[in-house]
Amino acid sequence: MTTTINCEYQNPINLGTLEMPDFEFQNQVCSSTNNYFQEYQVEINGTTTPFIFSNVWSGPAITLITFAFVMMIFVIFISIFSFVARKKISIQRKQ
């Protein structure tokens, strides 16, 4: 699957000198050929700025989510085990 992202840079500003120009652009407008990339409008300091986010999971994100899931299962297992063990011990002491 090939995705083409077309970007147009607008409003060039020379941050350098006439001898050594260093042009930067104030605006960047992008569009893609499919919905693989989604554009969102984000408001920062009263101005609306477009951001493009990819719908792809990265390796560190998958690692972090997996670690959090394993820790959550571990905590639930330990909680259930300690609850059952306490109930079993209290039943044995009563007999």
C-alpha atoms as a PDB file:
ATOM      1  CA  MET A   1       0.000   0.000   0.000  1.00  0.00           C
ATOM      2  CA  THR A   2       1.463   3.321  -1.060  1.00  0.00           C
ATOM      3  CA  THR A   3       0.416   6.576   0.536  1.00  0.00           C
ATOM      4  CA  THR A   4       1.275   9.899  -0.995  1.00  0.00           C
ATOM      5  CA  ILE A   5       1.322  12.977   1.198  1.00  0.00           C
ATOM      6  CA  ASN A   6       1.348  16.264  -0.679  1.00  0.00           C
ATOM      7  CA  CYS A   7       2.510  19.289   1.297  1.00  0.00           C
ATOM      8  CA  GLU A   8       2.550  22.914   0.260  1.00  0.00           C
ATOM      9  CA  TYR A   9       4.740  25.355   2.148  1.00  0.00           C
ATOM     10  CA  GLN A  10       3.497  28.932   2.401  1.00  0.00           C
ATOM     11  CA  ASN A  11       4.786  32.333   3.561  1.00  0.00           C
ATOM     12  CA  PRO A  12       8.604  32.026   3.362  1.00  0.00           C
ATOM     13  CA  ILE A  13      10.630  34.106   5.818  1.00  0.00           C
ATOM     14  CA  ASN A  14      14.370  34.756   5.474  1.00  0.00           C
ATOM     15  CA  LEU A  15      15.950  34.241   8.902  1.00  0.00           C
ATOM     16  CA  GLY A  16      19.450  34.648   7.522  1.00  0.00           C
ATOM     17  CA  THR A  17      21.165  37.450   5.658  1.00  0.00           C
ATOM     18  CA  LEU A  18      21.229  38.406   1.983  1.00  0.00           C
ATOM     19  CA  GLU A  19      24.635  36.705   1.639  1.00  0.00           C
ATOM     20  CA  MET A  20      23.555  33.531   3.449  1.00  0.00           C
ATOM     21  CA  PRO A  21      19.776  33.157   3.183  1.00  0.00           C
ATOM     22  CA  ASP A  22      17.987  30.773   5.541  1.00  0.00           C
ATOM     23  CA  PHE A  23      14.337  30.453   4.552  1.00  0.00           C
ATOM     24  CA  GLU A  24      11.720  29.032   6.905  1.00  0.00           C
ATOM     25  CA  PHE A  25       8.008  28.706   6.192  1.00  0.00           C
ATOM     26  CA  GLN A  26       5.120  29.868   8.366  1.00  0.00           C
ATOM     27  CA  ASN A  27       2.473  27.458   7.041  1.00  0.00           C
ATOM     28  CA  GLN A  28       2.407  23.876   5.868  1.00  0.00           C
ATOM     29  CA  VAL A  29      -0.743  22.462   4.265  1.00  0.00           C
ATOM     30  CA  CYS A  30      -0.758  18.706   3.643  1.00  0.00           C
ATOM     31  CA  SER A  31      -3.173  16.215   2.139  1.00  0.00           C
ATOM     32  CA  SER A  32      -2.924  12.456   1.595  1.00  0.00           C
ATOM     33  CA  THR A  33      -4.257   9.995  -0.949  1.00  0.00           C
ATOM     34  CA  ASN A  34      -6.106   7.870   1.628  1.00  0.00           C
ATOM     35  CA  ASN A  35      -7.293   7.886   5.242  1.00  0.00           C
ATOM     36  CA  TYR A  36      -4.063   6.367   6.556  1.00  0.00           C
ATOM     37  CA  PHE A  37      -3.152   9.797   7.893  1.00  0.00           C
ATOM     38  CA  GLN A  38      -5.744  11.959   9.615  1.00  0.00           C
ATOM     39  CA  GLU A  39      -5.561  15.714   9.987  1.00  0.00           C
ATOM     40  CA  TYR A  40      -6.757  17.321  13.207  1.00  0.00           C
ATOM     41  CA  GLN A  41      -7.172  20.990  14.013  1.00  0.00           C
ATOM     42  CA  VAL A  42      -5.509  21.875  17.331  1.00  0.00           C
ATOM     43  CA  GLU A  43      -5.899  25.255  18.995  1.00  0.00           C
ATOM     44  CA  ILE A  44      -2.735  26.659  20.596  1.00  0.00           C
ATOM     45  CA  ASN A  45      -2.656  30.169  22.093  1.00  0.00           C
ATOM     46  CA  GLY A  46      -5.801  31.197  20.253  1.00  0.00           C
ATOM     47  CA  THR A  47      -4.604  30.057  16.814  1.00  0.00           C
ATOM     48  CA  THR A  48      -5.775  26.903  15.059  1.00  0.00           C
ATOM     49  CA  THR A  49      -2.969  24.687  13.793  1.00  0.00           C
ATOM     50  CA  PRO A  50      -3.357  21.507  11.704  1.00  0.00           C
ATOM     51  CA  PHE A  51      -1.560  18.359  12.853  1.00  0.00           C
ATOM     52  CA  ILE A  52      -1.338  15.096  10.941  1.00  0.00           C
ATOM     53  CA  PHE A  53      -1.277  11.864  12.951  1.00  0.00           C
ATOM     54  CA  SER A  54      -0.515   8.404  11.619  1.00  0.00           C
ATOM     55  CA  ASN A  55      -2.828   5.510  12.463  1.00  0.00           C
ATOM     56  CA  VAL A  56       0.107   3.190  13.189  1.00  0.00           C
ATOM     57  CA  TRP A  57       1.137   1.626  16.497  1.00  0.00           C
ATOM     58  CA  SER A  58       4.832   2.068  17.198  1.00  0.00           C
ATOM     59  CA  GLY A  59       7.052  -0.454  18.957  1.00  0.00           C
ATOM     60  CA  PRO A  60       7.451   1.523  22.209  1.00  0.00           C
ATOM     61  CA  ALA A  61       3.680   2.104  22.403  1.00  0.00           C
ATOM     62  CA  ILE A  62       2.987  -1.616  22.025  1.00  0.00           C
ATOM     63  CA  THR A  63       5.641  -2.429  24.638  1.00  0.00           C
ATOM     64  CA  LEU A  64       4.204   0.070  27.117  1.00  0.00           C
ATOM     65  CA  ILE A  65       0.624  -1.125  26.635  1.00  0.00           C
ATOM     66  CA  THR A  66       1.698  -4.764  26.967  1.00  0.00           C
ATOM     67  CA  PHE A  67       3.629  -4.008  30.165  1.00  0.00           C
ATOM     68  CA  ALA A  68       0.653  -2.138  31.652  1.00  0.00           C
ATOM     69  CA  PHE A  69      -1.701  -4.995  30.735  1.00  0.00           C
ATOM     70  CA  VAL A  70       0.584  -7.642  32.293  1.00  0.00           C
ATOM     71  CA  MET A  71       0.958  -5.563  35.480  1.00  0.00           C
ATOM     72  CA  MET A  72      -2.823  -5.103  35.700  1.00  0.00           C
ATOM     73  CA  ILE A  73      -3.400  -8.882  35.359  1.00  0.00           C
ATOM     74  CA  PHE A  74      -0.676  -9.527  37.957  1.00  0.00           C
ATOM     75  CA  VAL A  75      -2.241  -7.128  40.477  1.00  0.00           C
ATOM     76  CA  ILE A  76      -5.702  -8.632  39.950  1.00  0.00           C
ATOM     77  CA  PHE A  77      -4.318 -12.167  40.371  1.00  0.00           C
ATOM     78  CA  ILE A  78      -2.425 -11.269  43.571  1.00  0.00           C
ATOM     79  CA  SER A  79      -5.503  -9.503  45.002  1.00  0.00           C
ATOM     80  CA  ILE A  80      -7.767 -12.479  44.337  1.00  0.00           C
ATOM     81  CA  PHE A  81      -5.167 -14.944  45.634  1.00  0.00           C
ATOM     82  CA  SER A  82      -4.589 -13.032  48.879  1.00  0.00           C
ATOM     83  CA  PHE A  83      -8.353 -12.667  49.436  1.00  0.00           C
ATOM     84  CA  VAL A  84      -8.940 -16.405  48.940  1.00  0.00           C
ATOM     85  CA  ALA A  85      -5.919 -17.320  51.096  1.00  0.00           C
ATOM     86  CA  ARG A  86      -7.141 -15.113  53.976  1.00  0.00           C
ATOM     87  CA  LYS A  87     -10.626 -16.641  53.812  1.00  0.00           C
ATOM     88  CA  LYS A  88      -9.169 -20.158  53.790  1.00  0.00           C
ATOM     89  CA  ILE A  89      -6.914 -19.412  56.785  1.00  0.00           C
ATOM     90  CA  SER A  90      -9.773 -17.856  58.771  1.00  0.00           C
ATOM     91  CA  ILE A  91     -12.005 -20.899  58.058  1.00  0.00           C
ATOM     92  CA  GLN A  92      -9.258 -23.277  59.250  1.00  0.00           C
ATOM     93  CA  ARG A  93      -8.738 -21.311  62.473  1.00  0.00           C
ATOM     94  CA  LYS A  94     -12.468 -21.473  63.329  1.00  0.00           C
ATOM     95  CA  GLN A  95     -12.488 -25.289  63.110  1.00  0.00           C
END
